[in-house]
Protein backbone atom coordinates (compact mmCIF):
# COMPACT_ATOMS: atom_id res chain seq x y z
CA MET A 1 59.42 -22.55 17.52
CA LYS A 2 60.08 -25.93 19.16
CA ASN A 3 56.37 -26.38 19.83
CA ARG A 4 55.56 -25.68 16.21
CA LEU A 5 58.04 -28.27 15.03
CA LYS A 6 56.01 -30.80 17.01
CA ARG A 7 52.71 -29.56 15.60
CA LYS A 8 51.84 -31.41 12.48
CA LYS A 9 48.16 -30.87 11.81
CA ILE A 10 46.76 -28.22 9.48
CA SER A 11 43.06 -27.59 8.88
CA ALA A 12 42.26 -26.31 5.40
CA ILE A 13 38.95 -24.39 5.34
CA ILE A 14 37.43 -23.85 1.92
CA ALA A 15 34.45 -21.52 1.42
CA CYS A 16 32.32 -22.93 -1.40
CA TYR A 17 29.46 -21.45 -3.38
CA GLY A 18 28.65 -23.05 -6.72
CA ASP A 19 32.01 -24.84 -6.89
CA GLU A 20 30.90 -28.43 -7.58
CA ARG A 21 33.45 -28.88 -10.38
CA ALA A 22 36.30 -27.22 -8.50
CA ILE A 23 35.94 -29.20 -5.25
CA PRO A 24 37.47 -32.54 -6.45
CA ILE A 25 40.41 -30.66 -7.96
CA MET A 26 40.89 -28.59 -4.81
CA HIS A 27 40.85 -31.79 -2.73
CA LYS A 28 43.40 -33.51 -4.94
CA ARG A 29 45.78 -30.54 -4.91
CA LEU A 30 45.47 -30.05 -1.15
CA VAL A 31 46.15 -33.72 -0.39
CA LYS A 32 49.17 -33.64 -2.68
CA ILE A 33 50.68 -30.57 -1.02
CA PHE A 34 50.01 -31.79 2.53
CA LYS A 35 51.63 -35.15 1.79
CA LYS A 36 54.57 -33.41 0.15
CA ILE A 37 55.14 -31.28 3.26
CA GLY A 38 54.55 -34.29 5.52
CA LEU A 39 51.61 -33.01 7.55
CA ASN A 40 48.59 -34.47 9.24
CA TYR A 41 45.60 -32.60 7.90
CA GLU A 42 41.87 -32.17 7.71
CA ILE A 43 40.07 -30.52 4.82
CA ILE A 44 36.87 -28.67 5.72
CA PHE A 45 34.65 -27.73 2.80
CA VAL A 46 31.91 -25.29 3.84
CA ASN A 47 29.01 -25.32 1.38
CA ASP A 48 27.50 -21.87 1.89
CA GLY A 49 24.05 -22.51 0.44
CA SER A 50 25.13 -23.50 -3.07
CA LEU A 51 22.36 -23.97 -5.63
CA ASP A 52 24.27 -26.58 -7.66
CA ASN A 53 25.28 -30.14 -6.71
CA THR A 54 27.99 -29.09 -4.25
CA GLU A 55 26.30 -30.94 -1.35
CA SER A 56 26.19 -34.22 -3.29
CA VAL A 57 29.81 -33.83 -4.38
CA LEU A 58 30.85 -33.27 -0.76
CA ALA A 59 28.84 -36.27 0.45
CA SER A 60 30.62 -38.51 -2.05
CA LEU A 61 34.04 -37.05 -1.25
CA CYS A 62 33.54 -37.46 2.50
CA ARG A 63 32.70 -41.15 2.02
CA GLN A 64 35.94 -41.63 0.09
CA ASP A 65 38.26 -39.65 2.39
CA LYS A 66 37.80 -39.46 6.15
CA HIS A 67 40.17 -36.47 6.26
CA VAL A 68 37.43 -34.45 4.56
CA ILE A 69 34.65 -32.72 6.50
CA GLY A 70 31.66 -31.30 4.65
CA VAL A 71 29.63 -28.53 6.30
CA ASN A 72 26.35 -27.49 4.67
CA HIS A 73 24.79 -24.17 5.62
CA SER A 74 21.01 -23.79 5.48
CA ARG A 75 21.41 -20.85 3.07
CA ASN A 76 24.04 -18.44 1.80
CA PHE A 77 25.52 -16.53 4.75
CA SER A 78 28.63 -15.10 2.96
CA SER A 79 32.18 -16.37 2.60
CA GLN A 80 33.10 -14.71 5.89
CA MET A 81 30.56 -16.84 7.73
CA ALA A 82 31.75 -19.92 5.83
CA PHE A 83 35.29 -19.34 7.11
CA THR A 84 33.94 -18.67 10.61
CA SER A 85 31.92 -21.90 10.48
CA GLY A 86 35.02 -23.84 9.47
CA MET A 87 37.15 -22.30 12.21
CA ASP A 88 34.54 -23.23 14.80
CA ILE A 89 35.04 -26.96 14.14
CA ALA A 90 38.69 -27.01 12.99
CA THR A 91 41.00 -29.12 15.17
CA GLY A 92 44.34 -28.29 13.56
CA ASP A 93 47.27 -26.43 15.11
CA ALA A 94 46.77 -23.89 12.33
CA VAL A 95 44.12 -23.24 9.69
CA VAL A 96 44.42 -22.22 6.06
CA LEU A 97 41.58 -20.20 4.52
CA LEU A 98 40.93 -20.65 0.78
CA ASP A 99 38.20 -19.72 -1.68
CA GLY A 100 36.59 -22.73 -3.32
CA ASP A 101 36.96 -21.44 -6.89
CA LEU A 102 40.71 -22.31 -7.02
CA GLN A 103 41.73 -18.65 -7.26
CA ASP A 104 43.75 -19.24 -4.09
CA PRO A 105 46.36 -21.78 -5.31
CA PRO A 106 46.80 -24.52 -2.65
CA GLU A 107 50.45 -24.86 -3.64
CA ILE A 108 51.19 -21.52 -1.93
CA ILE A 109 50.68 -23.33 1.40
CA GLU A 110 54.16 -24.75 0.85
CA LYS A 111 55.44 -21.15 1.16
CA PHE A 112 53.18 -20.32 4.11
CA TYR A 113 54.28 -23.29 6.21
CA PRO A 114 58.01 -22.42 6.68
CA LYS A 115 57.02 -18.88 7.72
CA TRP A 116 54.72 -20.34 10.37
CA LEU A 117 57.51 -22.62 11.63
CA LYS A 118 59.76 -19.56 11.96
CA GLY A 119 57.31 -18.04 14.44
CA PHE A 120 54.82 -16.02 12.41
CA ASP A 121 51.30 -16.41 13.76
CA ILE A 122 49.62 -15.21 10.57
CA VAL A 123 50.95 -15.70 7.05
CA TYR A 124 48.75 -14.05 4.41
CA GLY A 125 48.86 -14.09 0.63
CA VAL A 126 49.60 -10.82 -1.17
CA ARG A 127 48.07 -10.57 -4.64
CA VAL A 128 50.91 -8.99 -6.58
CA LYS A 129 49.20 -9.86 -9.86
CA ARG A 130 45.64 -10.72 -10.90
CA GLU A 131 44.56 -12.57 -13.99
CA ALA A 132 41.45 -10.44 -14.44
CA PRO A 133 40.12 -7.61 -16.67
CA LEU A 134 42.09 -4.40 -16.26
CA TYR A 135 39.14 -2.43 -14.90
CA MET A 136 38.64 -5.02 -12.13
CA VAL A 137 42.35 -4.98 -11.28
CA PHE A 138 42.15 -1.18 -11.05
CA LEU A 139 39.06 -1.30 -8.82
CA TYR A 140 40.56 -3.87 -6.46
CA LYS A 141 43.85 -2.02 -6.12
CA SER A 142 42.04 1.29 -5.63
CA PHE A 143 39.88 -0.20 -2.86
CA TYR A 144 42.84 -1.55 -0.90
CA ARG A 145 44.65 1.79 -1.10
CA VAL A 146 41.62 3.87 -0.16
CA PHE A 147 40.82 1.46 2.66
CA HIS A 148 44.43 1.59 3.85
CA LYS A 149 44.16 5.38 4.13
CA LEU A 150 40.76 5.45 5.82
CA SER A 151 41.03 2.55 8.25
CA TYR A 152 42.24 2.96 11.83
CA ILE A 153 43.77 -0.54 11.45
CA LYS A 154 46.41 -0.81 8.74
CA ILE A 155 45.44 -3.81 6.66
CA PRO A 156 48.20 -5.01 4.30
CA LEU A 157 47.72 -3.89 0.71
CA ASP A 158 46.32 -6.48 -1.72
CA ALA A 159 45.95 -9.13 1.02
CA GLY A 160 42.75 -11.17 0.85
CA ASP A 161 41.37 -13.93 3.06
CA PHE A 162 43.90 -16.51 1.78
CA SER A 163 46.12 -17.09 4.80
CA LEU A 164 47.58 -19.51 7.33
CA ILE A 165 46.51 -18.68 10.89
CA ASP A 166 47.95 -20.17 14.07
CA ARG A 167 45.66 -21.90 16.57
CA ARG A 168 45.98 -19.21 19.24
CA VAL A 169 44.91 -16.57 16.71
CA VAL A 170 41.98 -18.75 15.61
CA ASP A 171 40.91 -19.08 19.24
CA ALA A 172 41.10 -15.30 19.62
CA LEU A 173 39.02 -14.74 16.46
CA LYS A 174 36.41 -17.22 17.68
CA GLU A 175 35.86 -15.01 20.72
CA PHE A 176 34.78 -12.07 18.54
CA PRO A 177 30.99 -11.63 18.87
CA GLU A 178 30.55 -9.71 15.60
CA ARG A 179 28.06 -11.04 13.08
CA ASP A 180 28.85 -8.60 10.27
CA ARG A 181 32.41 -9.79 9.71
CA PHE A 182 35.30 -8.52 7.61
CA LEU A 183 37.89 -11.19 8.41
CA ARG A 184 40.93 -9.60 6.80
CA GLY A 185 40.25 -6.55 8.98
CA LEU A 186 39.75 -8.65 12.12
CA ARG A 187 42.93 -10.55 11.24
CA ALA A 188 44.85 -7.27 11.25
CA TRP A 189 43.08 -5.97 14.37
CA VAL A 190 43.89 -9.03 16.48
CA GLY A 191 47.61 -8.36 16.14
CA PHE A 192 50.23 -11.09 16.66
CA LYS A 193 53.26 -11.58 14.41
CA GLN A 194 52.30 -11.39 10.74
CA THR A 195 53.98 -11.55 7.34
CA GLY A 196 52.96 -11.78 3.68
CA VAL A 197 53.78 -14.09 0.78
CA PRO A 198 53.38 -12.73 -2.78
CA TYR A 199 51.45 -14.78 -5.32
CA THR A 200 49.58 -14.44 -8.61
CA ARG A 201 45.80 -14.82 -8.31
CA PRO A 202 44.47 -16.70 -11.36
CA GLU A 203 41.02 -16.43 -12.90
CA ARG A 204 38.24 -18.82 -11.92
CA MET A 205 38.80 -22.27 -13.40
CA PHE A 206 35.05 -22.94 -13.78
CA GLY A 207 31.98 -20.79 -14.29
CA LYS A 208 31.63 -17.07 -13.79
CA THR A 209 32.17 -15.02 -10.68
CA THR A 210 29.10 -14.02 -8.68
CA ASN A 211 30.84 -10.82 -7.57
CA SER A 212 29.47 -8.02 -9.74
CA ILE A 213 30.75 -4.45 -9.53
CA LEU A 214 27.78 -3.60 -7.30
CA LYS A 215 28.57 -6.49 -4.93
CA ASN A 216 32.21 -5.45 -4.81
CA LEU A 217 31.17 -1.88 -3.97
CA ASN A 218 28.93 -3.20 -1.18
CA TRP A 219 31.86 -5.29 0.04
CA ALA A 220 34.13 -2.24 0.01
CA THR A 221 31.51 -0.22 1.91
CA LYS A 222 31.23 -2.99 4.49
CA GLY A 223 34.98 -2.98 5.08
CA ILE A 224 35.24 0.80 5.36
CA PHE A 225 32.31 1.18 7.76
CA SER A 226 33.62 -1.72 9.87
CA PHE A 227 37.09 -0.25 10.38
CA SER A 228 36.86 3.49 9.84
CA TYR A 229 35.32 6.54 11.49
CA VAL A 230 36.36 8.80 8.62
CA PRO A 231 32.79 9.00 7.18
CA LEU A 232 31.58 10.42 10.52
CA GLN A 233 34.56 12.76 10.71
CA PHE A 234 33.79 13.85 7.16
CA LEU A 235 30.26 14.81 8.23
CA ALA A 236 31.62 16.90 11.10
CA LEU A 237 34.07 18.65 8.77
CA LEU A 238 31.40 19.19 6.11
CA SER A 239 28.99 20.71 8.62
CA SER A 240 31.73 23.09 9.82
CA VAL A 241 32.54 24.18 6.27
CA ILE A 242 28.86 24.73 5.44
CA PHE A 243 28.41 26.72 8.66
CA VAL A 244 31.30 29.02 7.70
CA PHE A 245 29.98 29.56 4.17
CA ALA A 246 26.42 30.10 5.44
CA SER A 247 27.68 32.68 7.96
CA LEU A 248 29.62 34.50 5.24
CA ALA A 249 26.56 34.41 2.96
CA ILE A 250 24.38 35.96 5.68
CA ILE A 251 26.94 38.73 6.25
CA VAL A 252 27.15 39.44 2.51
CA LEU A 253 23.34 39.52 2.17
CA VAL A 254 23.01 41.93 5.11
CA ILE A 255 25.66 44.25 3.62
CA LEU A 256 23.99 44.15 0.20
CA LYS A 257 20.62 44.87 1.79
CA LEU A 258 22.05 47.90 3.58
CA ILE A 259 23.68 49.18 0.40
CA ASN A 260 20.65 48.54 -1.82
CA PRO A 261 17.36 47.86 0.03
CA ASP A 262 15.58 47.17 -3.26
CA ILE A 263 17.85 44.26 -4.26
CA PRO A 264 15.64 41.49 -5.75
CA HIS A 265 15.36 38.06 -4.12
CA GLY A 266 16.21 35.15 -6.45
CA VAL A 267 13.76 32.26 -6.37
CA THR A 268 16.12 30.09 -8.44
CA SER A 269 19.02 30.54 -6.04
CA ILE A 270 16.75 29.66 -3.10
CA LEU A 271 15.60 26.46 -4.83
CA ILE A 272 19.20 25.50 -5.65
CA ALA A 273 20.21 26.11 -2.05
CA ILE A 274 17.32 23.96 -0.78
CA LEU A 275 18.23 21.11 -3.14
CA PHE A 276 21.93 21.38 -2.27
CA PHE A 277 21.47 21.32 1.48
CA GLY A 278 18.75 18.68 1.17
CA ALA A 279 21.21 16.43 -0.68
CA LEU A 280 23.82 17.00 2.02
CA GLN A 281 21.30 16.08 4.71
CA LEU A 282 20.41 12.86 2.89
CA LEU A 283 24.13 12.06 2.58
CA GLY A 284 24.54 12.56 6.30
CA ILE A 285 21.50 10.42 7.08
CA SER A 286 22.76 7.62 4.81
CA ILE A 287 26.19 7.59 6.47
CA LEU A 288 24.65 7.53 9.93
CA GLY A 289 22.24 4.86 8.69
CA GLU A 290 25.14 2.59 7.70
CA TYR A 291 26.54 2.70 11.21
CA MET A 292 23.10 2.32 12.79
CA GLY A 293 22.35 -0.64 10.52
CA LYS A 294 25.51 -2.38 11.71
CA ILE A 295 24.52 -1.74 15.33
CA PHE A 296 21.01 -3.08 14.60
CA GLU A 297 22.45 -6.32 13.18
CA GLU A 298 24.62 -6.83 16.25
CA VAL A 299 21.99 -6.12 18.93
CA LYS A 300 19.55 -8.64 17.43
CA GLY A 301 21.93 -11.35 18.59
CA ARG A 302 21.07 -13.84 15.86
CA PRO A 303 23.41 -16.80 15.18
CA LYS A 304 26.26 -16.06 12.79
CA TYR A 305 25.19 -18.96 10.57
CA VAL A 306 22.95 -22.04 10.59
CA VAL A 307 24.35 -25.50 9.80
CA LYS A 308 21.98 -27.86 7.99
CA SER A 309 24.22 -30.93 8.08
CA ILE A 310 27.81 -32.05 8.53
CA PHE A 311 29.52 -34.97 6.79
CA ASN A 312 32.27 -36.66 8.87
CA ASP A 313 31.46 -34.45 11.85
CA PRO A 314 34.63 -34.34 14.02
CA LYS A 315 32.48 -34.09 17.16
CA SER A 316 30.90 -37.43 16.30
CA PHE A 317 34.35 -38.98 15.99
CA MET A 318 35.33 -37.61 19.40
CA ASP A 319 32.10 -38.89 20.97
CA ASP A 320 32.70 -42.35 19.47
CA PHE A 321 36.27 -42.31 20.76
CA LYS A 322 35.17 -41.30 24.27
CA ASN A 323 32.47 -43.99 24.31
CA SER A 324 34.97 -46.64 23.16
CA TYR A 325 37.49 -45.49 25.77
CA SER A 326 34.83 -45.55 28.52
CA ALA A 327 33.84 -49.08 27.54
CA LEU A 328 37.40 -50.22 28.15
C-alpha cells in the first residue's frame, strides 16, 4: 500500500484499428483524467495494421505530446497482440488496457485507481450494460456464461480487456510464451488480488465495428479451446454413449435374427447409420484439429507481432539519457 502511494506513473495502452478519428479524442480524455488524478503517465497507441490514416494521426500526435508513444505493427495481428506489444514497452507502475474505439470510457480509470491503491493487483471493468442491438447483447452475455461453465479458470462474467494491471502482474504476463492469446483468460489464470468495477459500455463513436457475428464466434471458440478441456471430455463421453447404444443394437439384432431368420435388412437404416457416425467422426476430428492447430501455432515459434516503427520510442529516450549521463 505504502509503495503504491509513492508510485505515480500509469501507462495507458490503446489497441487501435481504423480509429483515426477516435485517437485525438481518446488522447484528450486520457490526459484530462490523468491530470485530474495527479499522475505521471504515458499513453501508448498501438496501431495494429490500420488501413486508414491512423499512422499519420499518431505521428502528428507524438510530435505534439512527448507523453504519447505510437507503435505501428507491420500488419494486423489482433487486439491481443496490440496489448501485448504495448505491455512490452510500457514503463509505468501499472498499465491500463483500452480499445481505441472509445467503447472503454477513459473516465472509468478514476474508479480503477483507488482500488489499485487499496492493494488490488488487477482492477477490471464489468460491462453491466451495453449500448448495442439486443441480439448482440444476448450473444455476448451467453458467451460469458457458457465460457464460465466450461473453463477450468473462472473468468469474471462480462469482464473484457478493459482493466488496470499492476506492474508485477504485467511482468508475469510478459513471461507467458503463448502466441495465440486470450488476455482476459490469462489475466484470470495468473491469479493475484482482483476486483471488478461496473460500467456501461457505449456504442462506437465513429464508424462500424469490424466484429461480425462470425468473428465473434471465432473469438468465442478461441477462448473456449484456450481454457477448457470440456470439448475433449465431450468426445470421450459421446464415444462411451455410442458404444453402449451400438452394443445394445447388436444384441437386439442377434435376438431378432434368432427369432426370425428371414428378417429383411434395411438399406436405408444402414445409410442413415453411416451418415450419422460419419458426422460424429468429423465432429471429433474437428475438435481434435482445433487443439492440434493451437499446438502447431505454438511450436512454430514465430514472433508474437512485428513492429514496423515506433514514434517517441522510450528505449531511444533511455539511450539518450545514458549517453548524456556518460558524457558527464
